[in-house]
């Protein structure tokens, strides 16, 4: 989740010089470090290569990491939401929401 937060912060940076520095930090801390450890999981080589090429070319637009962010969001959705939807916590949440609904109907 650290990379996801870092990308969101990066997208809100207004100045190109600061954005370039932050892009390099994100790449070094999350992408390059994980490439060396061979632990990028499902993150495709094409996405990593695209980010690397743009960084080398100095093209640090706000959407530099957008493909990576979309991929991570989809990964979180498929892996963790499925587990959450069958968990006891989700059942309790649904029960709580149902009770709120019943209470609001009694008041109305």
PDB file of N, CA and C in Angstrom:
ATOM      1  N   UNK A   1       0.811  -1.203   0.000  1.00  0.00           N
ATOM      2  CA  UNK A   1       0.000   0.000   0.000  1.00  0.00           C
ATOM      3  C   UNK A   1       0.849   1.259   0.000  1.00  0.00           C
ATOM      4  N   UNK A   2       2.103   1.134   0.419  1.00  0.00           N
ATOM      5  CA  UNK A   2       2.987   2.288   0.426  1.00  0.00           C
ATOM      6  C   UNK A   2       3.170   2.882  -0.956  1.00  0.00           C
ATOM      7  N   UNK A   3       3.323   2.031  -1.951  1.00  0.00           N
ATOM      8  CA  UNK A   3       3.504   2.525  -3.317  1.00  0.00           C
ATOM      9  C   UNK A   3       2.237   3.222  -3.810  1.00  0.00           C
ATOM     10  N   UNK A   4       1.088   2.699  -3.432  1.00  0.00           N
ATOM     11  CA  UNK A   4      -0.176   3.280  -3.857  1.00  0.00           C
ATOM     12  C   UNK A   4      -0.310   4.697  -3.294  1.00  0.00           C
ATOM     13  N   UNK A   5       0.002   4.865  -2.006  1.00  0.00           N
ATOM     14  CA  UNK A   5      -0.058   6.194  -1.380  1.00  0.00           C
ATOM     15  C   UNK A   5       0.964   7.136  -2.005  1.00  0.00           C
ATOM     16  N   UNK A   6       2.156   6.628  -2.272  1.00  0.00           N
ATOM     17  CA  UNK A   6       3.204   7.450  -2.876  1.00  0.00           C
ATOM     18  C   UNK A   6       2.787   7.937  -4.262  1.00  0.00           C
ATOM     19  N   UNK A   7       2.143   7.082  -5.035  1.00  0.00           N
ATOM     20  CA  UNK A   7       1.688   7.468  -6.374  1.00  0.00           C
ATOM     21  C   UNK A   7       0.613   8.541  -6.284  1.00  0.00           C
ATOM     22  N   UNK A   8      -0.306   8.398  -5.358  1.00  0.00           N
ATOM     23  CA  UNK A   8      -1.361   9.406  -5.194  1.00  0.00           C
ATOM     24  C   UNK A   8      -0.749  10.751  -4.801  1.00  0.00           C
ATOM     25  N   UNK A   9       0.220  10.741  -3.891  1.00  0.00           N
ATOM     26  CA  UNK A   9       0.906  11.983  -3.523  1.00  0.00           C
ATOM     27  C   UNK A   9       1.657  12.575  -4.716  1.00  0.00           C
ATOM     28  N   UNK A  10       2.290  11.726  -5.496  1.00  0.00           N
ATOM     29  CA  UNK A  10       3.036  12.163  -6.679  1.00  0.00           C
ATOM     30  C   UNK A  10       2.118  12.879  -7.666  1.00  0.00           C
ATOM     31  N   UNK A  11       0.937  12.345  -7.875  1.00  0.00           N
ATOM     32  CA  UNK A  11       0.007  12.927  -8.849  1.00  0.00           C
ATOM     33  C   UNK A  11      -0.422  14.344  -8.472  1.00  0.00           C
ATOM     34  N   UNK A  12      -0.327  14.686  -7.203  1.00  0.00           N
ATOM     35  CA  UNK A  12      -0.755  16.010  -6.742  1.00  0.00           C
ATOM     36  C   UNK A  12       0.369  17.041  -6.704  1.00  0.00           C
ATOM     37  N   UNK A  13       1.571  16.666  -7.093  1.00  0.00           N
ATOM     38  CA  UNK A  13       2.706  17.602  -7.094  1.00  0.00           C
ATOM     39  C   UNK A  13       2.597  18.503  -8.312  1.00  0.00           C
ATOM     40  N   UNK A  14       2.724  19.796  -8.082  1.00  0.00           N
ATOM     41  CA  UNK A  14       2.520  20.763  -9.155  1.00  0.00           C
ATOM     42  C   UNK A  14       3.795  21.120  -9.915  1.00  0.00           C
ATOM     43  N   UNK A  15       4.924  21.183  -9.248  1.00  0.00           N
ATOM     44  CA  UNK A  15       6.145  21.646  -9.918  1.00  0.00           C
ATOM     45  C   UNK A  15       6.895  20.491 -10.576  1.00  0.00           C
ATOM     46  N   UNK A  16       7.358  20.691 -11.805  1.00  0.00           N
ATOM     47  CA  UNK A  16       8.050  19.618 -12.537  1.00  0.00           C
ATOM     48  C   UNK A  16       9.313  19.109 -11.848  1.00  0.00           C
ATOM     49  N   UNK A  17      10.107  20.015 -11.261  1.00  0.00           N
ATOM     50  CA  UNK A  17      11.353  19.577 -10.610  1.00  0.00           C
ATOM     51  C   UNK A  17      11.074  18.699  -9.410  1.00  0.00           C
ATOM     52  N   UNK A  18      10.111  19.099  -8.597  1.00  0.00           N
ATOM     53  CA  UNK A  18       9.749  18.294  -7.431  1.00  0.00           C
ATOM     54  C   UNK A  18       9.126  16.967  -7.863  1.00  0.00           C
ATOM     55  N   UNK A  19       8.331  17.019  -8.933  1.00  0.00           N
ATOM     56  CA  UNK A  19       7.712  15.795  -9.450  1.00  0.00           C
ATOM     57  C   UNK A  19       8.780  14.819  -9.951  1.00  0.00           C
ATOM     58  N   UNK A  20       9.814  15.337 -10.613  1.00  0.00           N
ATOM     59  CA  UNK A  20      10.893  14.491 -11.122  1.00  0.00           C
ATOM     60  C   UNK A  20      11.628  13.813  -9.958  1.00  0.00           C
ATOM     61  N   UNK A  21      11.903  14.580  -8.917  1.00  0.00           N
ATOM     62  CA  UNK A  21      12.590  14.014  -7.741  1.00  0.00           C
ATOM     63  C   UNK A  21      11.746  12.936  -7.069  1.00  0.00           C
ATOM     64  N   UNK A  22      10.447  13.235  -6.904  1.00  0.00           N
ATOM     65  CA  UNK A  22       9.553  12.273  -6.253  1.00  0.00           C
ATOM     66  C   UNK A  22       9.397  11.021  -7.108  1.00  0.00           C
ATOM     67  N   UNK A  23       9.326  11.176  -8.428  1.00  0.00           N
ATOM     68  CA  UNK A  23       9.224  10.017  -9.327  1.00  0.00           C
ATOM     69  C   UNK A  23      10.438   9.109  -9.169  1.00  0.00           C
ATOM     70  N   UNK A  24      11.609   9.717  -9.088  1.00  0.00           N
ATOM     71  CA  UNK A  24      12.840   8.941  -8.910  1.00  0.00           C
ATOM     72  C   UNK A  24      12.823   8.221  -7.567  1.00  0.00           C
ATOM     73  N   UNK A  25      12.344   8.899  -6.509  1.00  0.00           N
ATOM     74  CA  UNK A  25      12.245   8.262  -5.184  1.00  0.00           C
ATOM     75  C   UNK A  25      11.313   7.056  -5.219  1.00  0.00           C
ATOM     76  N   UNK A  26      10.144   7.234  -5.836  1.00  0.00           N
ATOM     77  CA  UNK A  26       9.174   6.137  -5.924  1.00  0.00           C
ATOM     78  C   UNK A  26       9.779   4.969  -6.691  1.00  0.00           C
ATOM     79  N   UNK A  27      10.402   5.270  -7.820  1.00  0.00           N
ATOM     80  CA  UNK A  27      10.998   4.214  -8.639  1.00  0.00           C
ATOM     81  C   UNK A  27      12.074   3.474  -7.854  1.00  0.00           C
ATOM     82  N   UNK A  28      12.978   4.230  -7.221  1.00  0.00           N
ATOM     83  CA  UNK A  28      14.070   3.600  -6.484  1.00  0.00           C
ATOM     84  C   UNK A  28      13.563   2.788  -5.295  1.00  0.00           C
ATOM     85  N   UNK A  29      12.623   3.362  -4.554  1.00  0.00           N
ATOM     86  CA  UNK A  29      12.162   2.708  -3.333  1.00  0.00           C
ATOM     87  C   UNK A  29      11.272   1.495  -3.596  1.00  0.00           C
ATOM     88  N   UNK A  30      10.387   1.610  -4.546  1.00  0.00           N
ATOM     89  CA  UNK A  30       9.405   0.543  -4.735  1.00  0.00           C
ATOM     90  C   UNK A  30       9.675  -0.338  -5.951  1.00  0.00           C
ATOM     91  N   UNK A  31       9.928   0.270  -7.089  1.00  0.00           N
ATOM     92  CA  UNK A  31      10.041  -0.501  -8.327  1.00  0.00           C
ATOM     93  C   UNK A  31      11.414  -1.162  -8.438  1.00  0.00           C
ATOM     94  N   UNK A  32      12.463  -0.367  -8.425  1.00  0.00           N
ATOM     95  CA  UNK A  32      13.815  -0.907  -8.619  1.00  0.00           C
ATOM     96  C   UNK A  32      14.186  -1.874  -7.501  1.00  0.00           C
ATOM     97  N   UNK A  33      13.889  -1.498  -6.273  1.00  0.00           N
ATOM     98  CA  UNK A  33      14.199  -2.359  -5.127  1.00  0.00           C
ATOM     99  C   UNK A  33      13.514  -3.722  -5.270  1.00  0.00           C
ATOM    100  N   UNK A  34      12.253  -3.724  -5.684  1.00  0.00           N
ATOM    101  CA  UNK A  34      11.517  -4.977  -5.843  1.00  0.00           C
ATOM    102  C   UNK A  34      11.948  -5.759  -7.075  1.00  0.00           C
ATOM    103  N   UNK A  35      12.424  -5.046  -8.098  1.00  0.00           N
ATOM    104  CA  UNK A  35      12.948  -5.758  -9.276  1.00  0.00           C
ATOM    105  C   UNK A  35      14.197  -6.535  -8.889  1.00  0.00           C
ATOM    106  N   UNK A  36      15.044  -5.927  -8.068  1.00  0.00           N
ATOM    107  CA  UNK A  36      16.249  -6.625  -7.623  1.00  0.00           C
ATOM    108  C   UNK A  36      15.906  -7.840  -6.780  1.00  0.00           C
ATOM    109  N   UNK A  37      14.846  -7.718  -5.999  1.00  0.00           N
ATOM    110  CA  UNK A  37      14.422  -8.828  -5.147  1.00  0.00           C
ATOM    111  C   UNK A  37      13.532  -9.814  -5.908  1.00  0.00           C
ATOM    112  N   UNK A  38      13.231  -9.482  -7.170  1.00  0.00           N
ATOM    113  CA  UNK A  38      12.367 -10.326  -8.014  1.00  0.00           C
ATOM    114  C   UNK A  38      11.011 -10.551  -7.356  1.00  0.00           C
ATOM    115  N   UNK A  39      10.473  -9.499  -6.744  1.00  0.00           N
ATOM    116  CA  UNK A  39       9.208  -9.669  -6.022  1.00  0.00           C
ATOM    117  C   UNK A  39       8.132  -8.710  -6.507  1.00  0.00           C
ATOM    118  N   UNK A  40       8.108  -8.394  -7.788  1.00  0.00           N
ATOM    119  CA  UNK A  40       7.096  -7.476  -8.297  1.00  0.00           C
ATOM    120  C   UNK A  40       5.755  -8.177  -8.534  1.00  0.00           C
ATOM    121  N   UNK A  41       5.706  -9.464  -8.317  1.00  0.00           N
ATOM    122  CA  UNK A  41       4.440 -10.164  -8.441  1.00  0.00           C
ATOM    123  C   UNK A  41       3.897 -10.102  -9.847  1.00  0.00           C
ATOM    124  N   UNK A  42       2.653  -9.669  -9.957  1.00  0.00           N
ATOM    125  CA  UNK A  42       1.974  -9.629 -11.242  1.00  0.00           C
ATOM    126  C   UNK A  42       2.280  -8.383 -12.066  1.00  0.00           C
ATOM    127  N   UNK A  43       3.037  -7.451 -11.523  1.00  0.00           N
ATOM    128  CA  UNK A  43       3.319  -6.215 -12.242  1.00  0.00           C
ATOM    129  C   UNK A  43       4.123  -6.544 -13.500  1.00  0.00           C
ATOM    130  N   UNK A  44       3.548  -6.206 -14.643  1.00  0.00           N
ATOM    131  CA  UNK A  44       4.158  -6.636 -15.901  1.00  0.00           C
ATOM    132  C   UNK A  44       5.429  -5.857 -16.217  1.00  0.00           C
ATOM    133  N   UNK A  45       6.290  -6.514 -16.940  1.00  0.00           N
ATOM    134  CA  UNK A  45       7.548  -5.914 -17.370  1.00  0.00           C
ATOM    135  C   UNK A  45       7.268  -4.716 -18.265  1.00  0.00           C
ATOM    136  N   UNK A  46       6.206  -4.769 -19.042  1.00  0.00           N
ATOM    137  CA  UNK A  46       5.865  -3.661 -19.944  1.00  0.00           C
ATOM    138  C   UNK A  46       5.566  -2.385 -19.156  1.00  0.00           C
ATOM    139  N   UNK A  47       4.849  -2.515 -18.052  1.00  0.00           N
ATOM    140  CA  UNK A  47       4.533  -1.353 -17.220  1.00  0.00           C
ATOM    141  C   UNK A  47       5.810  -0.786 -16.617  1.00  0.00           C
ATOM    142  N   UNK A  48       6.653  -1.650 -16.095  1.00  0.00           N
ATOM    143  CA  UNK A  48       7.914  -1.211 -15.489  1.00  0.00           C
ATOM    144  C   UNK A  48       8.807  -0.557 -16.535  1.00  0.00           C
ATOM    145  N   UNK A  49       8.890  -1.149 -17.719  1.00  0.00           N
ATOM    146  CA  UNK A  49       9.715  -0.591 -18.789  1.00  0.00           C
ATOM    147  C   UNK A  49       9.208   0.779 -19.236  1.00  0.00           C
ATOM    148  N   UNK A  50       7.891   0.931 -19.289  1.00  0.00           N
ATOM    149  CA  UNK A  50       7.304   2.209 -19.691  1.00  0.00           C
ATOM    150  C   UNK A  50       7.672   3.308 -18.687  1.00  0.00           C
ATOM    151  N   UNK A  51       7.542   3.009 -17.399  1.00  0.00           N
ATOM    152  CA  UNK A  51       7.903   3.977 -16.364  1.00  0.00           C
ATOM    153  C   UNK A  51       9.402   4.286 -16.435  1.00  0.00           C
ATOM    154  N   UNK A  52      10.219   3.260 -16.572  1.00  0.00           N
ATOM    155  CA  UNK A  52      11.672   3.450 -16.644  1.00  0.00           C
ATOM    156  C   UNK A  52      12.064   4.337 -17.827  1.00  0.00           C
ATOM    157  N   UNK A  53      11.475   4.064 -18.981  1.00  0.00           N
ATOM    158  CA  UNK A  53      11.788   4.829 -20.186  1.00  0.00           C
ATOM    159  C   UNK A  53      11.387   6.296 -20.022  1.00  0.00           C
ATOM    160  N   UNK A  54      10.209   6.532 -19.458  1.00  0.00           N
ATOM    161  CA  UNK A  54       9.766   7.909 -19.244  1.00  0.00           C
ATOM    162  C   UNK A  54      10.656   8.639 -18.242  1.00  0.00           C
ATOM    163  N   UNK A  55      11.082   7.941 -17.202  1.00  0.00           N
ATOM    164  CA  UNK A  55      11.987   8.552 -16.224  1.00  0.00           C
ATOM    165  C   UNK A  55      13.331   8.915 -16.861  1.00  0.00           C
ATOM    166  N   UNK A  56      13.882   7.993 -17.642  1.00  0.00           N
ATOM    167  CA  UNK A  56      15.157   8.267 -18.312  1.00  0.00           C
ATOM    168  C   UNK A  56      15.040   9.441 -19.274  1.00  0.00           C
ATOM    169  N   UNK A  57      13.884   9.559 -19.903  1.00  0.00           N
ATOM    170  CA  UNK A  57      13.663  10.652 -20.858  1.00  0.00           C
ATOM    171  C   UNK A  57      13.250  11.959 -20.187  1.00  0.00           C
ATOM    172  N   UNK A  58      13.115  11.942 -18.868  1.00  0.00           N
ATOM    173  CA  UNK A  58      12.732  13.158 -18.153  1.00  0.00           C
ATOM    174  C   UNK A  58      11.268  13.510 -18.276  1.00  0.00           C
ATOM    175  N   UNK A  59      10.457  12.568 -18.713  1.00  0.00           N
ATOM    176  CA  UNK A  59       9.024  12.807 -18.878  1.00  0.00           C
ATOM    177  C   UNK A  59       8.299  12.374 -17.598  1.00  0.00           C
ATOM    178  N   UNK A  60       8.209  13.279 -16.667  1.00  0.00           N
ATOM    179  CA  UNK A  60       7.594  12.990 -15.365  1.00  0.00           C
ATOM    180  C   UNK A  60       6.247  13.683 -15.272  1.00  0.00           C
ATOM    181  N   UNK A  61       5.327  13.271 -16.104  1.00  0.00           N
ATOM    182  CA  UNK A  61       3.983  13.833 -16.092  1.00  0.00           C
ATOM    183  C   UNK A  61       3.214  13.281 -14.885  1.00  0.00           C
ATOM    184  N   UNK A  62       2.133  13.960 -14.491  1.00  0.00           N
ATOM    185  CA  UNK A  62       1.364  13.463 -13.341  1.00  0.00           C
ATOM    186  C   UNK A  62       0.842  12.036 -13.516  1.00  0.00           C
ATOM    187  N   UNK A  63       0.674  11.593 -14.755  1.00  0.00           N
ATOM    188  CA  UNK A  63       0.153  10.244 -14.997  1.00  0.00           C
ATOM    189  C   UNK A  63       1.260   9.214 -15.259  1.00  0.00           C
ATOM    190  N   UNK A  64       2.484   9.517 -14.864  1.00  0.00           N
ATOM    191  CA  UNK A  64       3.619   8.616 -15.084  1.00  0.00           C
ATOM    192  C   UNK A  64       3.360   7.218 -14.529  1.00  0.00           C
ATOM    193  N   UNK A  65       2.785   7.151 -13.349  1.00  0.00           N
ATOM    194  CA  UNK A  65       2.557   5.864 -12.695  1.00  0.00           C
ATOM    195  C   UNK A  65       1.108   5.375 -12.833  1.00  0.00           C
ATOM    196  N   UNK A  66       0.325   5.956 -13.732  1.00  0.00           N
ATOM    197  CA  UNK A  66      -1.101   5.621 -13.813  1.00  0.00           C
ATOM    198  C   UNK A  66      -1.349   4.151 -14.151  1.00  0.00           C
ATOM    199  N   UNK A  67      -0.576   3.580 -15.077  1.00  0.00           N
ATOM    200  CA  UNK A  67      -0.769   2.161 -15.413  1.00  0.00           C
ATOM    201  C   UNK A  67      -0.450   1.281 -14.206  1.00  0.00           C
ATOM    202  N   UNK A  68       0.595   1.655 -13.476  1.00  0.00           N
ATOM    203  CA  UNK A  68       0.979   0.908 -12.285  1.00  0.00           C
ATOM    204  C   UNK A  68      -0.106   1.014 -11.212  1.00  0.00           C
ATOM    205  N   UNK A  69      -0.645   2.217 -11.042  1.00  0.00           N
ATOM    206  CA  UNK A  69      -1.698   2.444 -10.055  1.00  0.00           C
ATOM    207  C   UNK A  69      -2.956   1.644 -10.398  1.00  0.00           C
ATOM    208  N   UNK A  70      -3.347   1.650 -11.667  1.00  0.00           N
ATOM    209  CA  UNK A  70      -4.519   0.886 -12.097  1.00  0.00           C
ATOM    210  C   UNK A  70      -4.313  -0.611 -11.866  1.00  0.00           C
ATOM    211  N   UNK A  71      -3.119  -1.081 -12.175  1.00  0.00           N
ATOM    212  CA  UNK A  71      -2.812  -2.499 -11.976  1.00  0.00           C
ATOM    213  C   UNK A  71      -2.885  -2.861 -10.489  1.00  0.00           C
ATOM    214  N   UNK A  72      -2.317  -2.020  -9.636  1.00  0.00           N
ATOM    215  CA  UNK A  72      -2.341  -2.283  -8.197  1.00  0.00           C
ATOM    216  C   UNK A  72      -3.762  -2.235  -7.647  1.00  0.00           C
ATOM    217  N   UNK A  73      -4.566  -1.298  -8.125  1.00  0.00           N
ATOM    218  CA  UNK A  73      -5.959  -1.212  -7.678  1.00  0.00           C
ATOM    219  C   UNK A  73      -6.732  -2.473  -8.065  1.00  0.00           C
ATOM    220  N   UNK A  74      -6.512  -2.942  -9.282  1.00  0.00           N
ATOM    221  CA  UNK A  74      -7.181  -4.170  -9.721  1.00  0.00           C
ATOM    222  C   UNK A  74      -6.711  -5.367  -8.899  1.00  0.00           C
ATOM    223  N   UNK A  75      -5.427  -5.412  -8.589  1.00  0.00           N
ATOM    224  CA  UNK A  75      -4.874  -6.493  -7.780  1.00  0.00           C
ATOM    225  C   UNK A  75      -5.481  -6.487  -6.378  1.00  0.00           C
ATOM    226  N   UNK A  76      -5.550  -5.308  -5.777  1.00  0.00           N
ATOM    227  CA  UNK A  76      -6.171  -5.198  -4.447  1.00  0.00           C
ATOM    228  C   UNK A  76      -7.624  -5.632  -4.483  1.00  0.00           C
ATOM    229  N   UNK A  77      -8.312  -5.217  -5.549  1.00  0.00           N
ATOM    230  CA  UNK A  77      -9.724  -5.561  -5.672  1.00  0.00           C
ATOM    231  C   UNK A  77      -9.927  -7.062  -5.814  1.00  0.00           C
ATOM    232  N   UNK A  78      -9.127  -7.708  -6.641  1.00  0.00           N
ATOM    233  CA  UNK A  78      -9.344  -9.132  -6.873  1.00  0.00           C
ATOM    234  C   UNK A  78      -8.845 -10.002  -5.729  1.00  0.00           C
ATOM    235  N   UNK A  79      -7.700  -9.656  -5.170  1.00  0.00           N
ATOM    236  CA  UNK A  79      -7.131 -10.502  -4.116  1.00  0.00           C
ATOM    237  C   UNK A  79      -7.781 -10.282  -2.759  1.00  0.00           C
ATOM    238  N   UNK A  80      -7.817  -9.035  -2.343  1.00  0.00           N
ATOM    239  CA  UNK A  80      -8.192  -8.771  -0.964  1.00  0.00           C
ATOM    240  C   UNK A  80      -9.684  -8.575  -0.757  1.00  0.00           C
ATOM    241  N   UNK A  81     -10.380  -8.030  -1.739  1.00  0.00           N
ATOM    242  CA  UNK A  81     -11.826  -7.855  -1.574  1.00  0.00           C
ATOM    243  C   UNK A  81     -12.537  -9.204  -1.565  1.00  0.00           C
ATOM    244  N   UNK A  82     -12.043 -10.154  -2.324  1.00  0.00           N
ATOM    245  CA  UNK A  82     -12.653 -11.483  -2.301  1.00  0.00           C
ATOM    246  C   UNK A  82     -12.497 -12.111  -0.927  1.00  0.00           C
ATOM    247  N   UNK A  83     -11.308 -11.978  -0.356  1.00  0.00           N
ATOM    248  CA  UNK A  83     -11.080 -12.522   0.986  1.00  0.00           C
ATOM    249  C   UNK A  83     -11.934 -11.790   2.007  1.00  0.00           C
ATOM    250  N   UNK A  84     -12.034 -10.470   1.883  1.00  0.00           N
ATOM    251  CA  UNK A  84     -12.823  -9.685   2.828  1.00  0.00           C
ATOM    252  C   UNK A  84     -14.297 -10.045   2.741  1.00  0.00           C
ATOM    253  N   UNK A  85     -14.808 -10.265   1.530  1.00  0.00           N
ATOM    254  CA  UNK A  85     -16.238 -10.521   1.362  1.00  0.00           C
ATOM    255  C   UNK A  85     -16.688 -11.849   1.965  1.00  0.00           C
ATOM    256  N   UNK A  86     -15.758 -12.739   2.282  1.00  0.00           N
ATOM    257  CA  UNK A  86     -16.125 -14.003   2.926  1.00  0.00           C
ATOM    258  C   UNK A  86     -15.648 -14.049   4.376  1.00  0.00           C
ATOM    259  N   UNK A  87     -15.191 -12.920   4.882  1.00  0.00           N
ATOM    260  CA  UNK A  87     -14.653 -12.893   6.244  1.00  0.00           C
ATOM    261  C   UNK A  87     -15.740 -12.607   7.280  1.00  0.00           C
ATOM    262  N   UNK A  88     -15.435 -12.922   8.518  1.00  0.00           N
ATOM    263  CA  UNK A  88     -16.348 -12.619   9.623  1.00  0.00           C
ATOM    264  C   UNK A  88     -16.548 -11.119   9.781  1.00  0.00           C
ATOM    265  N   UNK A  89     -15.513 -10.343   9.504  1.00  0.00           N
ATOM    266  CA  UNK A  89     -15.623  -8.894   9.611  1.00  0.00           C
ATOM    267  C   UNK A  89     -16.658  -8.343   8.644  1.00  0.00           C
ATOM    268  N   UNK A  90     -16.699  -8.885   7.452  1.00  0.00           N
ATOM    269  CA  UNK A  90     -17.680  -8.423   6.472  1.00  0.00           C
ATOM    270  C   UNK A  90     -19.096  -8.816   6.893  1.00  0.00           C
ATOM    271  N   UNK A  91     -19.239  -9.998   7.413  1.00  0.00           N
ATOM    272  CA  UNK A  91     -20.549 -10.436   7.897  1.00  0.00           C
ATOM    273  C   UNK A  91     -21.035  -9.499   9.004  1.00  0.00           C
ATOM    274  N   UNK A  92     -20.151  -9.176   9.947  1.00  0.00           N
ATOM    275  CA  UNK A  92     -20.504  -8.260  11.031  1.00  0.00           C
ATOM    276  C   UNK A  92     -20.860  -6.878  10.486  1.00  0.00           C
ATOM    277  N   UNK A  93     -20.122  -6.423   9.498  1.00  0.00           N
ATOM    278  CA  UNK A  93     -20.405  -5.129   8.882  1.00  0.00           C
ATOM    279  C   UNK A  93     -21.800  -5.135   8.249  1.00  0.00           C
ATOM    280  N   UNK A  94     -22.123  -6.198   7.537  1.00  0.00           N
ATOM    281  CA  UNK A  94     -23.450  -6.296   6.910  1.00  0.00           C
ATOM    282  C   UNK A  94     -24.552  -6.337   7.964  1.00  0.00           C
ATOM    283  N   UNK A  95     -24.324  -7.068   9.035  1.00  0.00           N
ATOM    284  CA  UNK A  95     -25.306  -7.110  10.116  1.00  0.00           C
ATOM    285  C   UNK A  95     -25.516  -5.723  10.723  1.00  0.00           C
ATOM    286  N   UNK A  96     -24.427  -5.018  10.937  1.00  0.00           N
ATOM    287  CA  UNK A  96     -24.501  -3.677  11.509  1.00  0.00           C
ATOM    288  C   UNK A  96     -25.274  -2.742  10.585  1.00  0.00           C
ATOM    289  N   UNK A  97     -24.992  -2.798   9.286  1.00  0.00           N
ATOM    290  CA  UNK A  97     -25.704  -1.955   8.320  1.00  0.00           C
ATOM    291  C   UNK A  97     -27.189  -2.321   8.265  1.00  0.00           C
ATOM    292  N   UNK A  98     -27.490  -3.600   8.384  1.00  0.00           N
ATOM    293  CA  UNK A  98     -28.884  -4.041   8.382  1.00  0.00           C
ATOM    294  C   UNK A  98     -29.612  -3.478   9.607  1.00  0.00           C
ATOM    295  N   UNK A  99     -28.955  -3.511  10.758  1.00  0.00           N
ATOM    296  CA  UNK A  99     -29.552  -2.961  11.979  1.00  0.00           C
ATOM    297  C   UNK A  99     -29.771  -1.450  11.831  1.00  0.00           C
ATOM    298  N   UNK A 100     -28.842  -0.762  11.240  1.00  0.00           N
ATOM    299  CA  UNK A 100     -29.012   0.676  10.995  1.00  0.00           C
ATOM    300  C   UNK A 100     -30.213   0.930  10.102  1.00  0.00           C
ATOM    301  N   UNK A 101     -30.378   0.118   9.088  1.00  0.00           N
ATOM    302  CA  UNK A 101     -31.501   0.260   8.172  1.00  0.00           C
ATOM    303  C   UNK A 101     -32.818   0.044   8.902  1.00  0.00           C
ATOM    304  N   UNK A 102     -32.875  -0.986   9.733  1.00  0.00           N
ATOM    305  CA  UNK A 102     -34.088  -1.242  10.513  1.00  0.00           C
ATOM    306  C   UNK A 102     -34.407  -0.085  11.455  1.00  0.00           C
ATOM    307  N   UNK A 103     -33.377   0.445  12.104  1.00  0.00           N
ATOM    308  CA  UNK A 103     -33.570   1.570  13.021  1.00  0.00           C
ATOM    309  C   UNK A 103     -34.070   2.800  12.281  1.00  0.00           C
ATOM    310  N   UNK A 104     -33.538   3.058  11.107  1.00  0.00           N
ATOM    311  CA  UNK A 104     -33.968   4.241  10.364  1.00  0.00           C
ATOM    312  C   UNK A 104     -35.413   4.096   9.876  1.00  0.00           C
ATOM    313  N   UNK A 105     -35.860   2.872   9.605  1.00  0.00           N
ATOM    314  CA  UNK A 105     -37.244   2.637   9.211  1.00  0.00           C
ATOM    315  C   UNK A 105     -38.193   2.822  10.388  1.00  0.00           C
ATOM    316  N   UNK A 106     -37.752   2.481  11.599  1.00  0.00           N
ATOM    317  CA  UNK A 106     -38.588   2.674  12.779  1.00  0.00           C
ATOM    318  C   UNK A 106     -38.779   4.156  13.071  1.00  0.00           C
ATOM    319  N   UNK A 107     -37.751   4.954  12.825  1.00  0.00           N
ATOM    320  CA  UNK A 107     -37.819   6.381  13.105  1.00  0.00           C
ATOM    321  C   UNK A 107     -38.705   7.075  12.085  1.00  0.00           C
ATOM    322  N   UNK A 108     -38.689   6.649  10.851  1.00  0.00           N
ATOM    323  CA  UNK A 108     -39.422   7.305   9.778  1.00  0.00           C
ATOM    324  C   UNK A 108     -40.902   7.150   9.921  1.00  0.00           C
TER     325      UNK A 108
END
